Amino acid sequence: MKLAYYIKNESLFPDAGVHALLESLDSEGFQCYRAKESADILPDTGALLSIGGDGTFLSAATLAVQSGLPVLGVNFGRLGFLSDTEPSEVVRLLKDGSYRIENRAMLELSLSGSGLQGIWPRALNEISVSRVGASMLGIDVTVGGAELPTYWADGLLVATSSGSTAYSLSVGGPICTPDTDVFIISPISPHNLNVRPLIVPRTVSVSIRLRSRDASAVLTLDNRSYEVGASIELEVRNAPVPLRKICPAGASFFNALRSRLLWGEDVRNSRGPGQK
């Protein structure tokens, strides 16, 4: 099988662990080559390896979807929520076929009045808008044609269920299992006591307009940021093509919450002798 691999951080390329991984794959008959963009993908390539952390995985997701490849996140980073496979497990996983492929929903953006051209309009975790100056934003949101009360905040994000453990979690959004068919709408540092994150079906479109004293704002799609005009109008909807994520057969989302985010960590949960 041909395997493309993606490395975002050039300082990681000479890492001994990376070379050991590639050598072990080569010794098992896998043909590995590096890809930086979709034009680099060779015919008959079976999968893309994202080598790095979760930020690398978000960049690799762009390449994977554009190339129609499933992507495996190999953890050389810190948290490892998306890059959830340890390097020592990669050869066994691919050789034995001890994995499953999950379809992860993505967001698709259309926008007007921005002047942006040529950006890739999709995101795996979230799409957000935020202020650039000291003044808060007024954010008008319409969900499936129904108007919501105006948010007054530093910004607003729309997240997928995959993104529920990323930026959305940091602003107080709920945790959703990756197969939950929802969008999460969360204000960023709202100046209201009576607003909460909102869960909506991902079959609806979310329209966003800004009110700002500043001339510009920041638009972010996962780990890509752009300065845009404050008169921007956005529409966020479900992307027609999902990301295909390769997951170890025994991987558990709830175990990942425990090990990565220390979910339920409490001295009272420690089991002593004789406890069940």
C-alpha atoms as a PDB file:
ATOM      1  CA  MET A   1       0.000   0.000   0.000  1.00  0.00           C
ATOM      2  CA  LYS A   2       1.136   3.533  -0.742  1.00  0.00           C
ATOM      3  CA  LEU A   3       0.952   5.893   2.216  1.00  0.00           C
ATOM      4  CA  ALA A   4       1.291   9.659   2.019  1.00  0.00           C
ATOM      5  CA  TYR A   5       2.399  11.447   5.163  1.00  0.00           C
ATOM      6  CA  TYR A   6       1.988  15.064   6.170  1.00  0.00           C
ATOM      7  CA  ILE A   7       4.318  16.960   8.521  1.00  0.00           C
ATOM      8  CA  LYS A   8       3.479  20.589   9.264  1.00  0.00           C
ATOM      9  CA  ASN A   9       6.312  21.382  11.664  1.00  0.00           C
ATOM     10  CA  GLU A  10       9.603  21.190   9.762  1.00  0.00           C
ATOM     11  CA  SER A  11      11.546  20.854  13.020  1.00  0.00           C
ATOM     12  CA  LEU A  12       9.851  17.494  13.523  1.00  0.00           C
ATOM     13  CA  PHE A  13      11.092  16.064  10.225  1.00  0.00           C
ATOM     14  CA  PRO A  14      14.565  15.043  11.491  1.00  0.00           C
ATOM     15  CA  ASP A  15      13.089  13.557  14.693  1.00  0.00           C
ATOM     16  CA  ALA A  16      14.439  10.067  15.381  1.00  0.00           C
ATOM     17  CA  GLY A  17      10.965   8.803  16.239  1.00  0.00           C
ATOM     18  CA  VAL A  18       9.600   9.931  12.876  1.00  0.00           C
ATOM     19  CA  HIS A  19      12.422   8.211  11.026  1.00  0.00           C
ATOM     20  CA  ALA A  20      11.929   5.039  13.069  1.00  0.00           C
ATOM     21  CA  LEU A  21       8.227   5.048  12.172  1.00  0.00           C
ATOM     22  CA  LEU A  22       8.892   5.498   8.451  1.00  0.00           C
ATOM     23  CA  GLU A  23      11.589   2.820   8.463  1.00  0.00           C
ATOM     24  CA  SER A  24       9.321   0.330  10.207  1.00  0.00           C
ATOM     25  CA  LEU A  25       6.561   0.993   7.685  1.00  0.00           C
ATOM     26  CA  ASP A  26       9.026   0.536   4.832  1.00  0.00           C
ATOM     27  CA  SER A  27      10.251  -2.767   6.275  1.00  0.00           C
ATOM     28  CA  GLU A  28       6.642  -4.031   6.273  1.00  0.00           C
ATOM     29  CA  GLY A  29       6.202  -3.215   2.584  1.00  0.00           C
ATOM     30  CA  PHE A  30       4.405   0.129   2.809  1.00  0.00           C
ATOM     31  CA  GLN A  31       5.542   2.732   0.280  1.00  0.00           C
ATOM     32  CA  CYS A  32       5.696   6.039   2.143  1.00  0.00           C
ATOM     33  CA  TYR A  33       6.204   9.481   0.654  1.00  0.00           C
ATOM     34  CA  ARG A  34       5.760  13.020   1.884  1.00  0.00           C
ATOM     35  CA  ALA A  35       2.894  15.196   0.642  1.00  0.00           C
ATOM     36  CA  LYS A  36       2.402  18.910   1.274  1.00  0.00           C
ATOM     37  CA  GLU A  37      -0.604  19.545  -0.989  1.00  0.00           C
ATOM     38  CA  SER A  38      -3.133  17.585  -3.015  1.00  0.00           C
ATOM     39  CA  ALA A  39      -1.005  17.807  -6.191  1.00  0.00           C
ATOM     40  CA  ASP A  40       1.624  15.665  -4.420  1.00  0.00           C
ATOM     41  CA  ILE A  41      -0.715  12.701  -3.931  1.00  0.00           C
ATOM     42  CA  LEU A  42       0.239   9.736  -6.113  1.00  0.00           C
ATOM     43  CA  PRO A  43      -2.265   7.363  -7.748  1.00  0.00           C
ATOM     44  CA  ASP A  44      -3.327   4.318  -5.704  1.00  0.00           C
ATOM     45  CA  THR A  45      -2.455   5.956  -2.386  1.00  0.00           C
ATOM     46  CA  GLY A  46      -4.441   4.243   0.367  1.00  0.00           C
ATOM     47  CA  ALA A  47      -4.274   6.681   3.262  1.00  0.00           C
ATOM     48  CA  LEU A  48      -2.695   9.835   4.657  1.00  0.00           C
ATOM     49  CA  LEU A  49      -0.685   9.858   7.882  1.00  0.00           C
ATOM     50  CA  SER A  50      -0.779  13.088   9.877  1.00  0.00           C
ATOM     51  CA  ILE A  51       2.472  13.151  11.845  1.00  0.00           C
ATOM     52  CA  GLY A  52       2.411  15.671  14.679  1.00  0.00           C
ATOM     53  CA  GLY A  53      -0.225  16.989  17.060  1.00  0.00           C
ATOM     54  CA  ASP A  54      -3.838  18.049  16.746  1.00  0.00           C
ATOM     55  CA  GLY A  55      -2.894  21.273  14.937  1.00  0.00           C
ATOM     56  CA  THR A  56      -1.111  19.211  12.305  1.00  0.00           C
ATOM     57  CA  PHE A  57      -4.183  16.991  11.996  1.00  0.00           C
ATOM     58  CA  LEU A  58      -6.383  20.012  11.249  1.00  0.00           C
ATOM     59  CA  SER A  59      -4.045  21.009   8.417  1.00  0.00           C
ATOM     60  CA  ALA A  60      -3.839  17.426   7.181  1.00  0.00           C
ATOM     61  CA  ALA A  61      -7.657  17.279   7.128  1.00  0.00           C
ATOM     62  CA  THR A  62      -7.644  19.830   4.318  1.00  0.00           C
ATOM     63  CA  LEU A  63      -5.278  17.680   2.277  1.00  0.00           C
ATOM     64  CA  ALA A  64      -7.170  14.468   3.091  1.00  0.00           C
ATOM     65  CA  VAL A  65     -10.575  15.777   2.014  1.00  0.00           C
ATOM     66  CA  GLN A  66      -9.206  17.423  -1.129  1.00  0.00           C
ATOM     67  CA  SER A  67      -7.506  14.135  -2.054  1.00  0.00           C
ATOM     68  CA  GLY A  68     -10.345  11.827  -1.013  1.00  0.00           C
ATOM     69  CA  LEU A  69      -8.118   9.926   1.440  1.00  0.00           C
ATOM     70  CA  PRO A  70      -8.798   8.666   4.959  1.00  0.00           C
ATOM     71  CA  VAL A  71      -6.402  10.170   7.508  1.00  0.00           C
ATOM     72  CA  LEU A  72      -4.680   8.618  10.527  1.00  0.00           C
ATOM     73  CA  GLY A  73      -3.416  10.956  13.239  1.00  0.00           C
ATOM     74  CA  VAL A  74      -0.036   9.821  14.590  1.00  0.00           C
ATOM     75  CA  ASN A  75       0.648  11.565  17.878  1.00  0.00           C
ATOM     76  CA  PHE A  76       3.920  13.460  18.119  1.00  0.00           C
ATOM     77  CA  GLY A  77       2.226  16.355  19.940  1.00  0.00           C
ATOM     78  CA  ARG A  78       0.875  17.047  23.413  1.00  0.00           C
ATOM     79  CA  LEU A  79      -2.862  16.414  23.762  1.00  0.00           C
ATOM     80  CA  GLY A  80      -3.532  13.914  20.992  1.00  0.00           C
ATOM     81  CA  PHE A  81      -7.316  14.136  20.756  1.00  0.00           C
ATOM     82  CA  LEU A  82      -7.423  13.983  16.951  1.00  0.00           C
ATOM     83  CA  SER A  83      -3.914  12.559  16.602  1.00  0.00           C
ATOM     84  CA  ASP A  84      -4.885   9.632  18.782  1.00  0.00           C
ATOM     85  CA  THR A  85      -2.555   6.850  17.601  1.00  0.00           C
ATOM     86  CA  GLU A  86       0.847   6.348  19.187  1.00  0.00           C
ATOM     87  CA  PRO A  87       3.747   5.806  16.728  1.00  0.00           C
ATOM     88  CA  SER A  88       4.426   2.338  18.145  1.00  0.00           C
ATOM     89  CA  GLU A  89       0.906   1.216  17.170  1.00  0.00           C
ATOM     90  CA  VAL A  90       0.838   2.408  13.563  1.00  0.00           C
ATOM     91  CA  VAL A  91       2.438  -0.599  11.836  1.00  0.00           C
ATOM     92  CA  ARG A  92       0.314  -3.156  13.697  1.00  0.00           C
ATOM     93  CA  LEU A  93      -2.863  -1.152  13.119  1.00  0.00           C
ATOM     94  CA  LEU A  94      -2.311  -0.826   9.350  1.00  0.00           C
ATOM     95  CA  LYS A  95      -0.908  -4.304   8.829  1.00  0.00           C
ATOM     96  CA  ASP A  96      -3.652  -6.132  10.742  1.00  0.00           C
ATOM     97  CA  GLY A  97      -6.460  -3.842   9.662  1.00  0.00           C
ATOM     98  CA  SER A  98      -7.362  -3.295  13.316  1.00  0.00           C
ATOM     99  CA  TYR A  99      -9.044   0.035  12.713  1.00  0.00           C
ATOM    100  CA  ARG A 100     -12.331   1.556  11.686  1.00  0.00           C
ATOM    101  CA  ILE A 101     -13.069   4.593   9.555  1.00  0.00           C
ATOM    102  CA  GLU A 102     -15.329   7.257  11.046  1.00  0.00           C
ATOM    103  CA  ASN A 103     -17.034   9.905   8.941  1.00  0.00           C
ATOM    104  CA  ARG A 104     -16.550  13.248  10.684  1.00  0.00           C
ATOM    105  CA  ALA A 105     -18.877  16.082   9.692  1.00  0.00           C
ATOM    106  CA  MET A 106     -17.294  19.296   8.476  1.00  0.00           C
ATOM    107  CA  LEU A 107     -18.473  22.894   8.235  1.00  0.00           C
ATOM    108  CA  GLU A 108     -18.678  24.784   4.959  1.00  0.00           C
ATOM    109  CA  LEU A 109     -18.570  28.584   4.782  1.00  0.00           C
ATOM    110  CA  SER A 110     -19.895  31.028   2.241  1.00  0.00           C
ATOM    111  CA  LEU A 111     -19.326  34.739   2.766  1.00  0.00           C
ATOM    112  CA  SER A 112     -19.971  38.107   1.173  1.00  0.00           C
ATOM    113  CA  GLY A 113     -18.412  41.525   1.568  1.00  0.00           C
ATOM    114  CA  SER A 114     -15.050  40.165   2.727  1.00  0.00           C
ATOM    115  CA  GLY A 115     -12.717  40.547  -0.234  1.00  0.00           C
ATOM    116  CA  LEU A 116     -11.239  37.118   0.522  1.00  0.00           C
ATOM    117  CA  GLN A 117     -10.491  34.996  -2.488  1.00  0.00           C
ATOM    118  CA  GLY A 118      -9.191  31.478  -2.822  1.00  0.00           C
ATOM    119  CA  ILE A 119      -9.526  30.296   0.784  1.00  0.00           C
ATOM    120  CA  TRP A 120     -10.522  26.698   1.417  1.00  0.00           C
ATOM    121  CA  PRO A 121     -13.984  27.224   2.959  1.00  0.00           C
ATOM    122  CA  ARG A 122     -14.241  24.144   5.187  1.00  0.00           C
ATOM    123  CA  ALA A 123     -13.380  23.364   8.794  1.00  0.00           C
ATOM    124  CA  LEU A 124     -13.387  20.212  10.913  1.00  0.00           C
ATOM    125  CA  ASN A 125     -13.655  21.766  14.385  1.00  0.00           C
ATOM    126  CA  GLU A 126     -15.123  25.243  14.157  1.00  0.00           C
ATOM    127  CA  ILE A 127     -15.616  28.498  12.290  1.00  0.00           C
ATOM    128  CA  SER A 128     -15.454  31.662  14.393  1.00  0.00           C
ATOM    129  CA  VAL A 129     -15.568  35.445  14.144  1.00  0.00           C
ATOM    130  CA  SER A 130     -14.010  37.677  16.791  1.00  0.00           C
ATOM    131  CA  ARG A 131     -13.166  41.303  17.481  1.00  0.00           C
ATOM    132  CA  VAL A 132      -9.831  42.951  16.695  1.00  0.00           C
ATOM    133  CA  GLY A 133     -10.212  46.108  18.801  1.00  0.00           C
ATOM    134  CA  ALA A 134     -11.360  46.942  22.311  1.00  0.00           C
ATOM    135  CA  SER A 135     -15.072  47.172  21.479  1.00  0.00           C
ATOM    136  CA  MET A 136     -17.286  44.132  21.701  1.00  0.00           C
ATOM    137  CA  LEU A 137     -19.227  42.859  18.720  1.00  0.00           C
ATOM    138  CA  GLY A 138     -22.950  42.758  18.177  1.00  0.00           C
ATOM    139  CA  ILE A 139     -23.636  39.489  16.391  1.00  0.00           C
ATOM    140  CA  ASP A 140     -26.924  38.805  14.655  1.00  0.00           C
ATOM    141  CA  VAL A 141     -27.560  35.124  14.056  1.00  0.00           C
ATOM    142  CA  THR A 142     -30.240  33.372  12.034  1.00  0.00           C
ATOM    143  CA  VAL A 143     -30.690  29.602  12.337  1.00  0.00           C
ATOM    144  CA  GLY A 144     -32.680  27.967   9.566  1.00  0.00           C
ATOM    145  CA  GLY A 145     -34.398  31.291   8.883  1.00  0.00           C
ATOM    146  CA  ALA A 146     -35.269  31.951  12.558  1.00  0.00           C
ATOM    147  CA  GLU A 147     -33.636  35.010  14.140  1.00  0.00           C
ATOM    148  CA  LEU A 148     -31.899  34.667  17.509  1.00  0.00           C
ATOM    149  CA  PRO A 149     -31.449  37.518  20.005  1.00  0.00           C
ATOM    150  CA  THR A 150     -28.334  39.578  19.219  1.00  0.00           C
ATOM    151  CA  TYR A 151     -25.179  38.348  20.950  1.00  0.00           C
ATOM    152  CA  TRP A 152     -22.941  41.020  22.508  1.00  0.00           C
ATOM    153  CA  ALA A 153     -19.578  39.364  22.917  1.00  0.00           C
ATOM    154  CA  ASP A 154     -15.934  39.148  21.861  1.00  0.00           C
ATOM    155  CA  GLY A 155     -17.057  36.816  19.100  1.00  0.00           C
ATOM    156  CA  LEU A 156     -19.041  33.734  18.165  1.00  0.00           C
ATOM    157  CA  LEU A 157     -18.176  30.249  16.987  1.00  0.00           C
ATOM    158  CA  VAL A 158     -20.022  27.463  15.235  1.00  0.00           C
ATOM    159  CA  ALA A 159     -18.549  24.053  16.028  1.00  0.00           C
ATOM    160  CA  THR A 160     -19.080  20.475  14.931  1.00  0.00           C
ATOM    161  CA  SER A 161     -19.412  17.601  17.381  1.00  0.00           C
ATOM    162  CA  SER A 162     -15.729  16.808  16.665  1.00  0.00           C
ATOM    163  CA  GLY A 163     -14.929  20.390  17.669  1.00  0.00           C
ATOM    164  CA  SER A 164     -16.865  20.135  20.927  1.00  0.00           C
ATOM    165  CA  THR A 165     -13.624  19.229  22.737  1.00  0.00           C
ATOM    166  CA  ALA A 166     -11.651  22.093  21.157  1.00  0.00           C
ATOM    167  CA  TYR A 167     -12.307  25.871  21.149  1.00  0.00           C
ATOM    168  CA  SER A 168     -16.005  25.315  21.877  1.00  0.00           C
ATOM    169  CA  LEU A 169     -15.116  23.557  25.124  1.00  0.00           C
ATOM    170  CA  SER A 170     -12.912  26.496  26.141  1.00  0.00           C
ATOM    171  CA  VAL A 171     -15.820  28.934  25.833  1.00  0.00           C
ATOM    172  CA  GLY A 172     -18.180  26.753  27.852  1.00  0.00           C
ATOM    173  CA  GLY A 173     -19.817  24.663  25.149  1.00  0.00           C
ATOM    174  CA  PRO A 174     -21.113  21.115  25.730  1.00  0.00           C
ATOM    175  CA  ILE A 175     -19.204  17.932  24.955  1.00  0.00           C
ATOM    176  CA  CYS A 176     -20.765  15.839  22.188  1.00  0.00           C
ATOM    177  CA  THR A 177     -19.749  12.418  20.927  1.00  0.00           C
ATOM    178  CA  PRO A 178     -18.239  12.706  17.420  1.00  0.00           C
ATOM    179  CA  ASP A 179     -21.185  10.926  15.785  1.00  0.00           C
ATOM    180  CA  THR A 180     -23.736  13.445  17.093  1.00  0.00           C
ATOM    181  CA  ASP A 181     -25.405  15.218  14.151  1.00  0.00           C
ATOM    182  CA  VAL A 182     -25.376  18.738  15.589  1.00  0.00           C
ATOM    183  CA  PHE A 183     -23.777  22.155  15.382  1.00  0.00           C
ATOM    184  CA  ILE A 184     -22.861  24.071  18.516  1.00  0.00           C
ATOM    185  CA  ILE A 185     -23.316  27.860  18.512  1.00  0.00           C
ATOM    186  CA  SER A 186     -21.317  29.471  21.321  1.00  0.00           C
ATOM    187  CA  PRO A 187     -20.632  33.142  22.128  1.00  0.00           C
ATOM    188  CA  ILE A 188     -17.040  34.017  23.056  1.00  0.00           C
ATOM    189  CA  SER A 189     -16.885  35.992  26.335  1.00  0.00           C
ATOM    190  CA  PRO A 190     -20.491  37.220  26.110  1.00  0.00           C
ATOM    191  CA  HIS A 191     -21.534  40.424  27.890  1.00  0.00           C
ATOM    192  CA  ASN A 192     -24.866  38.875  28.859  1.00  0.00           C
ATOM    193  CA  LEU A 193     -25.868  36.853  31.906  1.00  0.00           C
ATOM    194  CA  ASN A 194     -28.723  35.128  30.121  1.00  0.00           C
ATOM    195  CA  VAL A 195     -27.153  33.511  27.052  1.00  0.00           C
ATOM    196  CA  ARG A 196     -25.945  29.943  26.746  1.00  0.00           C
ATOM    197  CA  PRO A 197     -24.383  27.810  24.012  1.00  0.00           C
ATOM    198  CA  LEU A 198     -27.019  26.456  21.667  1.00  0.00           C
ATOM    199  CA  ILE A 199     -27.187  23.046  19.999  1.00  0.00           C
ATOM    200  CA  VAL A 200     -28.934  22.879  16.612  1.00  0.00           C
ATOM    201  CA  PRO A 201     -29.303  20.136  13.978  1.00  0.00           C
ATOM    202  CA  ARG A 202     -26.529  20.199  11.407  1.00  0.00           C
ATOM    203  CA  THR A 203     -29.161  20.108   8.677  1.00  0.00           C
ATOM    204  CA  VAL A 204     -29.803  23.844   9.200  1.00  0.00           C
ATOM    205  CA  SER A 205     -27.742  26.771   7.950  1.00  0.00           C
ATOM    206  CA  VAL A 206     -26.420  29.415  10.349  1.00  0.00           C
ATOM    207  CA  SER A 207     -26.229  33.000   9.051  1.00  0.00           C
ATOM    208  CA  ILE A 208     -24.094  35.588  10.867  1.00  0.00           C
ATOM    209  CA  ARG A 209     -23.876  39.383  10.551  1.00  0.00           C
ATOM    210  CA  LEU A 210     -21.700  41.698  12.651  1.00  0.00           C
ATOM    211  CA  ARG A 211     -22.226  45.087  14.251  1.00  0.00           C
ATOM    212  CA  SER A 212     -18.907  46.702  15.125  1.00  0.00           C
ATOM    213  CA  ARG A 213     -17.308  50.072  15.817  1.00  0.00           C
ATOM    214  CA  ASP A 214     -14.145  48.721  14.202  1.00  0.00           C
ATOM    215  CA  ALA A 215     -13.609  48.381  10.483  1.00  0.00           C
ATOM    216  CA  SER A 216     -12.471  44.785  10.641  1.00  0.00           C
ATOM    217  CA  ALA A 217     -12.842  41.484  12.476  1.00  0.00           C
ATOM    218  CA  VAL A 218     -11.045  38.129  12.557  1.00  0.00           C
ATOM    219  CA  LEU A 219     -12.443  35.098  10.756  1.00  0.00           C
ATOM    220  CA  THR A 220     -11.038  31.713  11.758  1.00  0.00           C
ATOM    221  CA  LEU A 221     -11.521  28.304  10.168  1.00  0.00           C
ATOM    222  CA  ASP A 222      -9.875  25.783  12.491  1.00  0.00           C
ATOM    223  CA  ASN A 223      -6.235  26.948  12.630  1.00  0.00           C
ATOM    224  CA  ARG A 224      -6.454  29.391   9.690  1.00  0.00           C
ATOM    225  CA  SER A 225      -7.155  33.056  10.458  1.00  0.00           C
ATOM    226  CA  TYR A 226      -8.017  36.011   8.204  1.00  0.00           C
ATOM    227  CA  GLU A 227      -8.735  39.673   8.820  1.00  0.00           C
ATOM    228  CA  VAL A 228     -12.042  40.563   7.213  1.00  0.00           C
ATOM    229  CA  GLY A 229     -14.260  43.633   6.952  1.00  0.00           C
ATOM    230  CA  ALA A 230     -16.747  44.127   9.778  1.00  0.00           C
ATOM    231  CA  SER A 231     -19.545  44.281   7.190  1.00  0.00           C
ATOM    232  CA  ILE A 232     -18.985  40.613   6.427  1.00  0.00           C
ATOM    233  CA  GLU A 233     -21.974  38.280   6.184  1.00  0.00           C
ATOM    234  CA  LEU A 234     -21.380  34.568   6.728  1.00  0.00           C
ATOM    235  CA  GLU A 235     -23.396  31.439   6.163  1.00  0.00           C
ATOM    236  CA  VAL A 236     -22.231  28.228   7.815  1.00  0.00           C
ATOM    237  CA  ARG A 237     -23.714  24.885   6.818  1.00  0.00           C
ATOM    238  CA  ASN A 238     -22.906  21.203   6.736  1.00  0.00           C
ATOM    239  CA  ALA A 239     -20.214  20.361   4.174  1.00  0.00           C
ATOM    240  CA  PRO A 240     -21.323  17.838   1.529  1.00  0.00           C
ATOM    241  CA  VAL A 241     -18.249  15.625   2.027  1.00  0.00           C
ATOM    242  CA  PRO A 242     -17.090  14.428   5.475  1.00  0.00           C
ATOM    243  CA  LEU A 243     -13.570  13.779   6.688  1.00  0.00           C
ATOM    244  CA  ARG A 244     -12.778  10.075   6.876  1.00  0.00           C
ATOM    245  CA  LYS A 245     -10.808   9.511  10.068  1.00  0.00           C
ATOM    246  CA  ILE A 246      -8.929   6.270  10.722  1.00  0.00           C
ATOM    247  CA  CYS A 247      -9.424   5.235  14.366  1.00  0.00           C
ATOM    248  CA  PRO A 248      -7.868   2.307  16.260  1.00  0.00           C
ATOM    249  CA  ALA A 249     -10.428  -0.488  16.623  1.00  0.00           C
ATOM    250  CA  GLY A 250     -10.446  -0.262  20.413  1.00  0.00           C
ATOM    251  CA  ALA A 251     -10.478   3.522  20.654  1.00  0.00           C
ATOM    252  CA  SER A 252     -13.125   4.989  22.962  1.00  0.00           C
ATOM    253  CA  PHE A 253     -14.216   8.631  23.000  1.00  0.00           C
ATOM    254  CA  PHE A 254     -15.014   8.396  26.704  1.00  0.00           C
ATOM    255  CA  ASN A 255     -11.615   6.917  27.506  1.00  0.00           C
ATOM    256  CA  ALA A 256     -10.066   9.797  25.558  1.00  0.00           C
ATOM    257  CA  LEU A 257     -11.992  12.260  27.740  1.00  0.00           C
ATOM    258  CA  ARG A 258     -10.593  10.581  30.828  1.00  0.00           C
ATOM    259  CA  SER A 259      -6.996  10.324  29.647  1.00  0.00           C
ATOM    260  CA  ARG A 260      -6.671  13.602  27.676  1.00  0.00           C
ATOM    261  CA  LEU A 261      -8.977  15.963  29.565  1.00  0.00           C
ATOM    262  CA  LEU A 262      -8.928  14.219  32.967  1.00  0.00           C
ATOM    263  CA  TRP A 263     -12.711  13.886  32.903  1.00  0.00           C
ATOM    264  CA  GLY A 264     -14.095  12.870  36.309  1.00  0.00           C
ATOM    265  CA  GLU A 265     -10.731  13.244  38.020  1.00  0.00           C
ATOM    266  CA  ASP A 266     -11.607  13.242  41.728  1.00  0.00           C
ATOM    267  CA  VAL A 267      -9.846  11.788  44.759  1.00  0.00           C
ATOM    268  CA  ARG A 268     -13.131  10.097  45.681  1.00  0.00           C
ATOM    269  CA  ASN A 269     -13.029   8.151  42.416  1.00  0.00           C
ATOM    270  CA  SER A 270      -9.751   6.428  43.339  1.00  0.00           C
ATOM    271  CA  ARG A 271     -10.342   2.788  44.144  1.00  0.00           C
ATOM    272  CA  GLY A 272      -8.525   1.482  47.159  1.00  0.00           C
ATOM    273  CA  PRO A 273      -8.009  -2.122  48.364  1.00  0.00           C
ATOM    274  CA  GLY A 274     -11.242  -4.073  48.556  1.00  0.00           C
ATOM    275  CA  GLN A 275     -13.248  -1.491  46.606  1.00  0.00           C
ATOM    276  CA  LYS A 276     -15.203  -2.386  43.505  1.00  0.00           C
END
